[in-house]
Amino acid sequence: AKSDGYATVVLSDTSVWILRLAGDKANYIHVH
């Protein structure tokens, strides 16, 4: 909520991933 519903993470291989909220209650982290 602090970043308009999206967040960005950088992994060990320097790839960048976008995080969003998934609709699933148990698996709530949507990654692409």
PDB file of all heavy atoms in Angstrom:
ATOM      1  N   ALA A   1       0.830  -1.211   0.000  1.00  0.00           N
ATOM      2  CA  ALA A   1       0.000   0.000   0.000  1.00  0.00           C
ATOM      3  C   ALA A   1       0.864   1.260   0.000  1.00  0.00           C
ATOM      4  O   ALA A   1       0.457   2.298  -0.533  1.00  0.00           O
ATOM      5  CB  ALA A   1      -0.939   0.002   1.202  1.00  0.00           C
ATOM      6  N   LYS A   2       2.056   1.174   0.541  1.00  0.00           N
ATOM      7  CA  LYS A   2       2.961   2.331   0.595  1.00  0.00           C
ATOM      8  C   LYS A   2       3.535   2.674  -0.776  1.00  0.00           C
ATOM      9  O   LYS A   2       4.094   3.757  -0.951  1.00  0.00           O
ATOM     10  CB  LYS A   2       4.106   2.051   1.566  1.00  0.00           C
ATOM     11  CG  LYS A   2       3.672   1.937   2.998  1.00  0.00           C
ATOM     12  CD  LYS A   2       4.838   1.567   3.888  1.00  0.00           C
ATOM     13  CE  LYS A   2       4.367   1.311   5.308  1.00  0.00           C
ATOM     14  NZ  LYS A   2       5.468   0.818   6.147  1.00  0.00           N
ATOM     15  N   SER A   3       3.412   1.747  -1.739  1.00  0.00           N
ATOM     16  CA  SER A   3       3.990   2.000  -3.071  1.00  0.00           C
ATOM     17  C   SER A   3       2.996   1.690  -4.190  1.00  0.00           C
ATOM     18  O   SER A   3       3.335   1.037  -5.170  1.00  0.00           O
ATOM     19  CB  SER A   3       5.276   1.200  -3.248  1.00  0.00           C
ATOM     20  OG  SER A   3       5.031  -0.177  -3.033  1.00  0.00           O
ATOM     21  N   ASP A   4       1.758   2.128  -4.006  1.00  0.00           N
ATOM     22  CA  ASP A   4       0.704   1.980  -5.020  1.00  0.00           C
ATOM     23  C   ASP A   4       0.431   0.534  -5.423  1.00  0.00           C
ATOM     24  O   ASP A   4       0.083   0.254  -6.569  1.00  0.00           O
ATOM     25  CB  ASP A   4       1.026   2.810  -6.266  1.00  0.00           C
ATOM     26  CG  ASP A   4       0.997   4.305  -5.975  1.00  0.00           C
ATOM     27  OD1 ASP A   4       0.202   4.727  -5.119  1.00  0.00           O
ATOM     28  OD2 ASP A   4       1.775   5.043  -6.617  1.00  0.00           O
ATOM     29  N   GLY A   5       0.647  -0.406  -4.515  1.00  0.00           N
ATOM     30  CA  GLY A   5       0.290  -1.797  -4.770  1.00  0.00           C
ATOM     31  C   GLY A   5       1.363  -2.638  -5.424  1.00  0.00           C
ATOM     32  O   GLY A   5       1.123  -3.798  -5.750  1.00  0.00           O
ATOM     33  N   TYR A   6       2.548  -2.069  -5.640  1.00  0.00           N
ATOM     34  CA  TYR A   6       3.651  -2.795  -6.269  1.00  0.00           C
ATOM     35  C   TYR A   6       4.913  -2.618  -5.446  1.00  0.00           C
ATOM     36  O   TYR A   6       5.093  -1.603  -4.784  1.00  0.00           O
ATOM     37  CB  TYR A   6       3.953  -2.242  -7.672  1.00  0.00           C
ATOM     38  CG  TYR A   6       2.836  -2.414  -8.654  1.00  0.00           C
ATOM     39  CD1 TYR A   6       1.820  -1.482  -8.771  1.00  0.00           C
ATOM     40  CD2 TYR A   6       2.812  -3.527  -9.487  1.00  0.00           C
ATOM     41  CE1 TYR A   6       0.793  -1.643  -9.689  1.00  0.00           C
ATOM     42  CE2 TYR A   6       1.791  -3.696 -10.411  1.00  0.00           C
ATOM     43  CZ  TYR A   6       0.790  -2.746 -10.505  1.00  0.00           C
ATOM     44  OH  TYR A   6      -0.218  -2.913 -11.415  1.00  0.00           O
ATOM     45  N   ALA A   7       5.794  -3.592  -5.534  1.00  0.00           N
ATOM     46  CA  ALA A   7       7.123  -3.469  -4.939  1.00  0.00           C
ATOM     47  C   ALA A   7       8.109  -4.137  -5.884  1.00  0.00           C
ATOM     48  O   ALA A   7       7.748  -4.990  -6.694  1.00  0.00           O
ATOM     49  CB  ALA A   7       7.165  -4.132  -3.571  1.00  0.00           C
ATOM     50  N   THR A   8       9.358  -3.732  -5.783  1.00  0.00           N
ATOM     51  CA  THR A   8      10.418  -4.273  -6.624  1.00  0.00           C
ATOM     52  C   THR A   8      11.492  -4.873  -5.733  1.00  0.00           C
ATOM     53  O   THR A   8      11.872  -4.272  -4.728  1.00  0.00           O
ATOM     54  CB  THR A   8      11.041  -3.154  -7.480  1.00  0.00           C
ATOM     55  OG1 THR A   8      10.013  -2.554  -8.263  1.00  0.00           O
ATOM     56  CG2 THR A   8      12.110  -3.692  -8.403  1.00  0.00           C
ATOM     57  N   VAL A   9      11.977  -6.052  -6.107  1.00  0.00           N
ATOM     58  CA  VAL A   9      13.100  -6.666  -5.409  1.00  0.00           C
ATOM     59  C   VAL A   9      14.153  -7.073  -6.437  1.00  0.00           C
ATOM     60  O   VAL A   9      13.825  -7.401  -7.579  1.00  0.00           O
ATOM     61  CB  VAL A   9      12.689  -7.899  -4.567  1.00  0.00           C
ATOM     62  CG1 VAL A   9      11.769  -7.500  -3.429  1.00  0.00           C
ATOM     63  CG2 VAL A   9      12.042  -8.960  -5.419  1.00  0.00           C
ATOM     64  N   VAL A  10      15.401  -7.039  -6.018  1.00  0.00           N
ATOM     65  CA  VAL A  10      16.517  -7.459  -6.858  1.00  0.00           C
ATOM     66  C   VAL A  10      17.114  -8.703  -6.219  1.00  0.00           C
ATOM     67  O   VAL A  10      17.386  -8.719  -5.014  1.00  0.00           O
ATOM     68  CB  VAL A  10      17.582  -6.345  -6.978  1.00  0.00           C
ATOM     69  CG1 VAL A  10      18.749  -6.814  -7.832  1.00  0.00           C
ATOM     70  CG2 VAL A  10      16.961  -5.081  -7.557  1.00  0.00           C
ATOM     71  N   LEU A  11      17.313  -9.732  -7.030  1.00  0.00           N
ATOM     72  CA  LEU A  11      17.818 -11.000  -6.513  1.00  0.00           C
ATOM     73  C   LEU A  11      19.325 -11.137  -6.729  1.00  0.00           C
ATOM     74  O   LEU A  11      19.958 -10.288  -7.355  1.00  0.00           O
ATOM     75  CB  LEU A  11      17.063 -12.158  -7.156  1.00  0.00           C
ATOM     76  CG  LEU A  11      15.541 -12.139  -6.960  1.00  0.00           C
ATOM     77  CD1 LEU A  11      14.924 -13.408  -7.515  1.00  0.00           C
ATOM     78  CD2 LEU A  11      15.164 -11.953  -5.501  1.00  0.00           C
ATOM     79  N   SER A  12      19.888 -12.223  -6.231  1.00  0.00           N
ATOM     80  CA  SER A  12      21.337 -12.432  -6.256  1.00  0.00           C
ATOM     81  C   SER A  12      21.928 -12.449  -7.661  1.00  0.00           C
ATOM     82  O   SER A  12      23.108 -12.143  -7.842  1.00  0.00           O
ATOM     83  CB  SER A  12      21.686 -13.737  -5.533  1.00  0.00           C
ATOM     84  OG  SER A  12      21.090 -14.838  -6.204  1.00  0.00           O
ATOM     85  N   ASP A  13      21.133 -12.775  -8.650  1.00  0.00           N
ATOM     86  CA  ASP A  13      21.633 -12.794 -10.041  1.00  0.00           C
ATOM     87  C   ASP A  13      21.405 -11.460 -10.757  1.00  0.00           C
ATOM     88  O   ASP A  13      21.553 -11.379 -11.963  1.00  0.00           O
ATOM     89  CB  ASP A  13      20.995 -13.934 -10.832  1.00  0.00           C
ATOM     90  CG  ASP A  13      19.514 -13.715 -11.099  1.00  0.00           C
ATOM     91  OD1 ASP A  13      18.890 -12.848 -10.442  1.00  0.00           O
ATOM     92  OD2 ASP A  13      18.960 -14.412 -11.969  1.00  0.00           O
ATOM     93  N   THR A  14      21.022 -10.446 -10.028  1.00  0.00           N
ATOM     94  CA  THR A  14      20.718  -9.077 -10.483  1.00  0.00           C
ATOM     95  C   THR A  14      19.384  -8.955 -11.209  1.00  0.00           C
ATOM     96  O   THR A  14      19.054  -7.881 -11.699  1.00  0.00           O
ATOM     97  CB  THR A  14      21.837  -8.455 -11.372  1.00  0.00           C
ATOM     98  OG1 THR A  14      21.863  -9.111 -12.645  1.00  0.00           O
ATOM     99  CG2 THR A  14      23.196  -8.500 -10.693  1.00  0.00           C
ATOM    100  N   SER A  15      18.607 -10.023 -11.279  1.00  0.00           N
ATOM    101  CA  SER A  15      17.288  -9.926 -11.901  1.00  0.00           C
ATOM    102  C   SER A  15      16.361  -9.108 -11.002  1.00  0.00           C
ATOM    103  O   SER A  15      16.487  -9.110  -9.773  1.00  0.00           O
ATOM    104  CB  SER A  15      16.692 -11.312 -12.171  1.00  0.00           C
ATOM    105  OG  SER A  15      16.508 -12.034 -10.975  1.00  0.00           O
ATOM    106  N   VAL A  16      15.435  -8.399 -11.644  1.00  0.00           N
ATOM    107  CA  VAL A  16      14.489  -7.537 -10.946  1.00  0.00           C
ATOM    108  C   VAL A  16      13.108  -8.185 -11.023  1.00  0.00           C
ATOM    109  O   VAL A  16      12.683  -8.620 -12.101  1.00  0.00           O
ATOM    110  CB  VAL A  16      14.456  -6.131 -11.581  1.00  0.00           C
ATOM    111  CG1 VAL A  16      13.433  -5.240 -10.899  1.00  0.00           C
ATOM    112  CG2 VAL A  16      15.846  -5.504 -11.542  1.00  0.00           C
ATOM    113  N   TRP A  17      12.418  -8.220  -9.896  1.00  0.00           N
ATOM    114  CA  TRP A  17      11.111  -8.855  -9.817  1.00  0.00           C
ATOM    115  C   TRP A  17      10.095  -7.890  -9.238  1.00  0.00           C
ATOM    116  O   TRP A  17      10.400  -7.117  -8.328  1.00  0.00           O
ATOM    117  CB  TRP A  17      11.201 -10.129  -8.966  1.00  0.00           C
ATOM    118  CG  TRP A  17      12.055 -11.145  -9.642  1.00  0.00           C
ATOM    119  CD1 TRP A  17      13.425 -11.195  -9.647  1.00  0.00           C
ATOM    120  CD2 TRP A  17      11.613 -12.207 -10.477  1.00  0.00           C
ATOM    121  NE1 TRP A  17      13.859 -12.231 -10.430  1.00  0.00           N
ATOM    122  CE2 TRP A  17      12.764 -12.876 -10.943  1.00  0.00           C
ATOM    123  CE3 TRP A  17      10.367 -12.660 -10.870  1.00  0.00           C
ATOM    124  CZ2 TRP A  17      12.693 -13.982 -11.793  1.00  0.00           C
ATOM    125  CZ3 TRP A  17      10.292 -13.762 -11.707  1.00  0.00           C
ATOM    126  CH2 TRP A  17      11.441 -14.403 -12.152  1.00  0.00           C
ATOM    127  N   ILE A  18       8.893  -7.948  -9.756  1.00  0.00           N
ATOM    128  CA  ILE A  18       7.794  -7.103  -9.312  1.00  0.00           C
ATOM    129  C   ILE A  18       6.882  -7.940  -8.417  1.00  0.00           C
ATOM    130  O   ILE A  18       6.509  -9.063  -8.771  1.00  0.00           O
ATOM    131  CB  ILE A  18       6.977  -6.563 -10.516  1.00  0.00           C
ATOM    132  CG1 ILE A  18       7.891  -5.881 -11.530  1.00  0.00           C
ATOM    133  CG2 ILE A  18       5.856  -5.639 -10.043  1.00  0.00           C
ATOM    134  CD1 ILE A  18       8.711  -4.737 -10.982  1.00  0.00           C
ATOM    135  N   LEU A  19       6.533  -7.377  -7.283  1.00  0.00           N
ATOM    136  CA  LEU A  19       5.641  -8.044  -6.332  1.00  0.00           C
ATOM    137  C   LEU A  19       4.305  -7.316  -6.295  1.00  0.00           C
ATOM    138  O   LEU A  19       4.266  -6.088  -6.287  1.00  0.00           O
ATOM    139  CB  LEU A  19       6.253  -8.035  -4.928  1.00  0.00           C
ATOM    140  CG  LEU A  19       7.674  -8.540  -4.771  1.00  0.00           C
ATOM    141  CD1 LEU A  19       8.104  -8.445  -3.308  1.00  0.00           C
ATOM    142  CD2 LEU A  19       7.800  -9.959  -5.274  1.00  0.00           C
ATOM    143  N   ARG A  20       3.241  -8.087  -6.270  1.00  0.00           N
ATOM    144  CA  ARG A  20       1.888  -7.555  -6.150  1.00  0.00           C
ATOM    145  C   ARG A  20       1.121  -8.454  -5.195  1.00  0.00           C
ATOM    146  O   ARG A  20       1.594  -9.512  -4.811  1.00  0.00           O
ATOM    147  CB  ARG A  20       1.192  -7.533  -7.514  1.00  0.00           C
ATOM    148  CG  ARG A  20       1.850  -6.582  -8.501  1.00  0.00           C
ATOM    149  CD  ARG A  20       1.152  -6.547  -9.839  1.00  0.00           C
ATOM    150  NE  ARG A  20      -0.282  -6.431  -9.697  1.00  0.00           N
ATOM    151  CZ  ARG A  20      -1.161  -6.932 -10.562  1.00  0.00           C
ATOM    152  NH1 ARG A  20      -0.752  -7.573 -11.627  1.00  0.00           N
ATOM    153  NH2 ARG A  20      -2.441  -6.791 -10.375  1.00  0.00           N
ATOM    154  N   LEU A  21      -0.083  -8.077  -4.894  1.00  0.00           N
ATOM    155  CA  LEU A  21      -0.949  -8.893  -4.044  1.00  0.00           C
ATOM    156  C   LEU A  21      -1.745  -9.851  -4.918  1.00  0.00           C
ATOM    157  O   LEU A  21      -2.407  -9.438  -5.870  1.00  0.00           O
ATOM    158  CB  LEU A  21      -1.902  -8.005  -3.240  1.00  0.00           C
ATOM    159  CG  LEU A  21      -2.809  -8.726  -2.253  1.00  0.00           C
ATOM    160  CD1 LEU A  21      -1.991  -9.401  -1.154  1.00  0.00           C
ATOM    161  CD2 LEU A  21      -3.806  -7.741  -1.653  1.00  0.00           C
ATOM    162  N   ALA A  22      -1.664 -11.132  -4.594  1.00  0.00           N
ATOM    163  CA  ALA A  22      -2.435 -12.147  -5.318  1.00  0.00           C
ATOM    164  C   ALA A  22      -3.799 -12.306  -4.657  1.00  0.00           C
ATOM    165  O   ALA A  22      -3.967 -11.997  -3.475  1.00  0.00           O
ATOM    166  CB  ALA A  22      -1.679 -13.472  -5.314  1.00  0.00           C
ATOM    167  N   GLY A  23      -4.745 -12.814  -5.400  1.00  0.00           N
ATOM    168  CA  GLY A  23      -6.089 -13.007  -4.870  1.00  0.00           C
ATOM    169  C   GLY A  23      -6.194 -14.180  -3.913  1.00  0.00           C
ATOM    170  O   GLY A  23      -7.078 -14.222  -3.069  1.00  0.00           O
ATOM    171  N   ASP A  24      -5.294 -15.125  -4.021  1.00  0.00           N
ATOM    172  CA  ASP A  24      -5.299 -16.320  -3.183  1.00  0.00           C
ATOM    173  C   ASP A  24      -4.994 -15.933  -1.739  1.00  0.00           C
ATOM    174  O   ASP A  24      -4.057 -15.204  -1.460  1.00  0.00           O
ATOM    175  CB  ASP A  24      -4.244 -17.297  -3.709  1.00  0.00           C
ATOM    176  CG  ASP A  24      -4.308 -18.659  -3.048  1.00  0.00           C
ATOM    177  OD1 ASP A  24      -4.294 -18.716  -1.801  1.00  0.00           O
ATOM    178  OD2 ASP A  24      -4.345 -19.660  -3.778  1.00  0.00           O
ATOM    179  N   LYS A  25      -5.802 -16.425  -0.805  1.00  0.00           N
ATOM    180  CA  LYS A  25      -5.616 -16.080   0.611  1.00  0.00           C
ATOM    181  C   LYS A  25      -4.326 -16.659   1.181  1.00  0.00           C
ATOM    182  O   LYS A  25      -3.621 -16.001   1.931  1.00  0.00           O
ATOM    183  CB  LYS A  25      -6.808 -16.577   1.440  1.00  0.00           C
ATOM    184  CG  LYS A  25      -8.097 -15.887   1.120  1.00  0.00           C
ATOM    185  CD  LYS A  25      -8.125 -14.487   1.670  1.00  0.00           C
ATOM    186  CE  LYS A  25      -9.495 -13.885   1.452  1.00  0.00           C
ATOM    187  NZ  LYS A  25      -9.496 -12.464   1.596  1.00  0.00           N
ATOM    188  N   ALA A  26      -3.994 -17.897   0.830  1.00  0.00           N
ATOM    189  CA  ALA A  26      -2.805 -18.551   1.397  1.00  0.00           C
ATOM    190  C   ALA A  26      -1.527 -18.146   0.672  1.00  0.00           C
ATOM    191  O   ALA A  26      -0.488 -17.925   1.291  1.00  0.00           O
ATOM    192  CB  ALA A  26      -2.976 -20.069   1.351  1.00  0.00           C
ATOM    193  N   ASN A  27      -1.587 -18.068  -0.647  1.00  0.00           N
ATOM    194  CA  ASN A  27      -0.424 -17.698  -1.463  1.00  0.00           C
ATOM    195  C   ASN A  27      -0.650 -16.293  -1.997  1.00  0.00           C
ATOM    196  O   ASN A  27      -1.029 -16.107  -3.142  1.00  0.00           O
ATOM    197  CB  ASN A  27      -0.240 -18.703  -2.605  1.00  0.00           C
ATOM    198  CG  ASN A  27      -0.044 -20.106  -2.086  1.00  0.00           C
ATOM    199  OD1 ASN A  27       0.844 -20.348  -1.284  1.00  0.00           O
ATOM    200  ND2 ASN A  27      -0.876 -21.031  -2.525  1.00  0.00           N
ATOM    201  N   TYR A  28      -0.405 -15.319  -1.170  1.00  0.00           N
ATOM    202  CA  TYR A  28      -0.798 -13.947  -1.459  1.00  0.00           C
ATOM    203  C   TYR A  28       0.259 -13.110  -2.176  1.00  0.00           C
ATOM    204  O   TYR A  28       0.010 -11.969  -2.532  1.00  0.00           O
ATOM    205  CB  TYR A  28      -1.221 -13.237  -0.169  1.00  0.00           C
ATOM    206  CG  TYR A  28      -0.222 -13.347   0.951  1.00  0.00           C
ATOM    207  CD1 TYR A  28       0.831 -12.441   1.074  1.00  0.00           C
ATOM    208  CD2 TYR A  28      -0.323 -14.367   1.890  1.00  0.00           C
ATOM    209  CE1 TYR A  28       1.744 -12.550   2.098  1.00  0.00           C
ATOM    210  CE2 TYR A  28       0.593 -14.480   2.911  1.00  0.00           C
ATOM    211  CZ  TYR A  28       1.624 -13.565   3.024  1.00  0.00           C
ATOM    212  OH  TYR A  28       2.530 -13.677   4.045  1.00  0.00           O
ATOM    213  N   ILE A  29       1.440 -13.660  -2.399  1.00  0.00           N
ATOM    214  CA  ILE A  29       2.495 -12.906  -3.074  1.00  0.00           C
ATOM    215  C   ILE A  29       2.499 -13.266  -4.556  1.00  0.00           C
ATOM    216  O   ILE A  29       2.782 -14.391  -4.937  1.00  0.00           O
ATOM    217  CB  ILE A  29       3.875 -13.196  -2.447  1.00  0.00           C
ATOM    218  CG1 ILE A  29       3.858 -12.830  -0.963  1.00  0.00           C
ATOM    219  CG2 ILE A  29       4.973 -12.427  -3.187  1.00  0.00           C
ATOM    220  CD1 ILE A  29       5.100 -13.268  -0.215  1.00  0.00           C
ATOM    221  N   HIS A  30       2.176 -12.286  -5.386  1.00  0.00           N
ATOM    222  CA  HIS A  30       2.195 -12.456  -6.840  1.00  0.00           C
ATOM    223  C   HIS A  30       3.532 -11.910  -7.338  1.00  0.00           C
ATOM    224  O   HIS A  30       3.897 -10.772  -7.040  1.00  0.00           O
ATOM    225  CB  HIS A  30       1.029 -11.689  -7.469  1.00  0.00           C
ATOM    226  CG  HIS A  30       1.054 -11.691  -8.955  1.00  0.00           C
ATOM    227  ND1 HIS A  30       0.475 -12.687  -9.705  1.00  0.00           N
ATOM    228  CD2 HIS A  30       1.595 -10.818  -9.843  1.00  0.00           C
ATOM    229  CE1 HIS A  30       0.658 -12.425 -10.991  1.00  0.00           C
ATOM    230  NE2 HIS A  30       1.335 -11.300 -11.101  1.00  0.00           N
ATOM    231  N   VAL A  31       4.268 -12.717  -8.106  1.00  0.00           N
ATOM    232  CA  VAL A  31       5.612 -12.363  -8.553  1.00  0.00           C
ATOM    233  C   VAL A  31       5.696 -12.463 -10.068  1.00  0.00           C
ATOM    234  O   VAL A  31       5.194 -13.421 -10.657  1.00  0.00           O
ATOM    235  CB  VAL A  31       6.640 -13.353  -7.943  1.00  0.00           C
ATOM    236  CG1 VAL A  31       8.035 -13.047  -8.410  1.00  0.00           C
ATOM    237  CG2 VAL A  31       6.559 -13.356  -6.434  1.00  0.00           C
ATOM    238  N   HIS A  32       6.327 -11.478 -10.697  1.00  0.00           N
ATOM    239  CA  HIS A  32       6.652 -11.609 -12.117  1.00  0.00           C
ATOM    240  C   HIS A  32       7.917 -10.822 -12.414  1.00  0.00           C
ATOM    241  O   HIS A  32       8.257  -9.878 -11.697  1.00  0.00           O
ATOM    242  CB  HIS A  32       5.485 -11.218 -13.025  1.00  0.00           C
ATOM    243  CG  HIS A  32       5.032  -9.797 -12.895  1.00  0.00           C
ATOM    244  ND1 HIS A  32       5.603  -8.772 -13.588  1.00  0.00           N
ATOM    245  CD2 HIS A  32       4.052  -9.254 -12.141  1.00  0.00           C
ATOM    246  CE1 HIS A  32       4.986  -7.641 -13.286  1.00  0.00           C
ATOM    247  NE2 HIS A  32       4.053  -7.899 -12.403  1.00  0.00           N
TER     248      HIS A  32
END
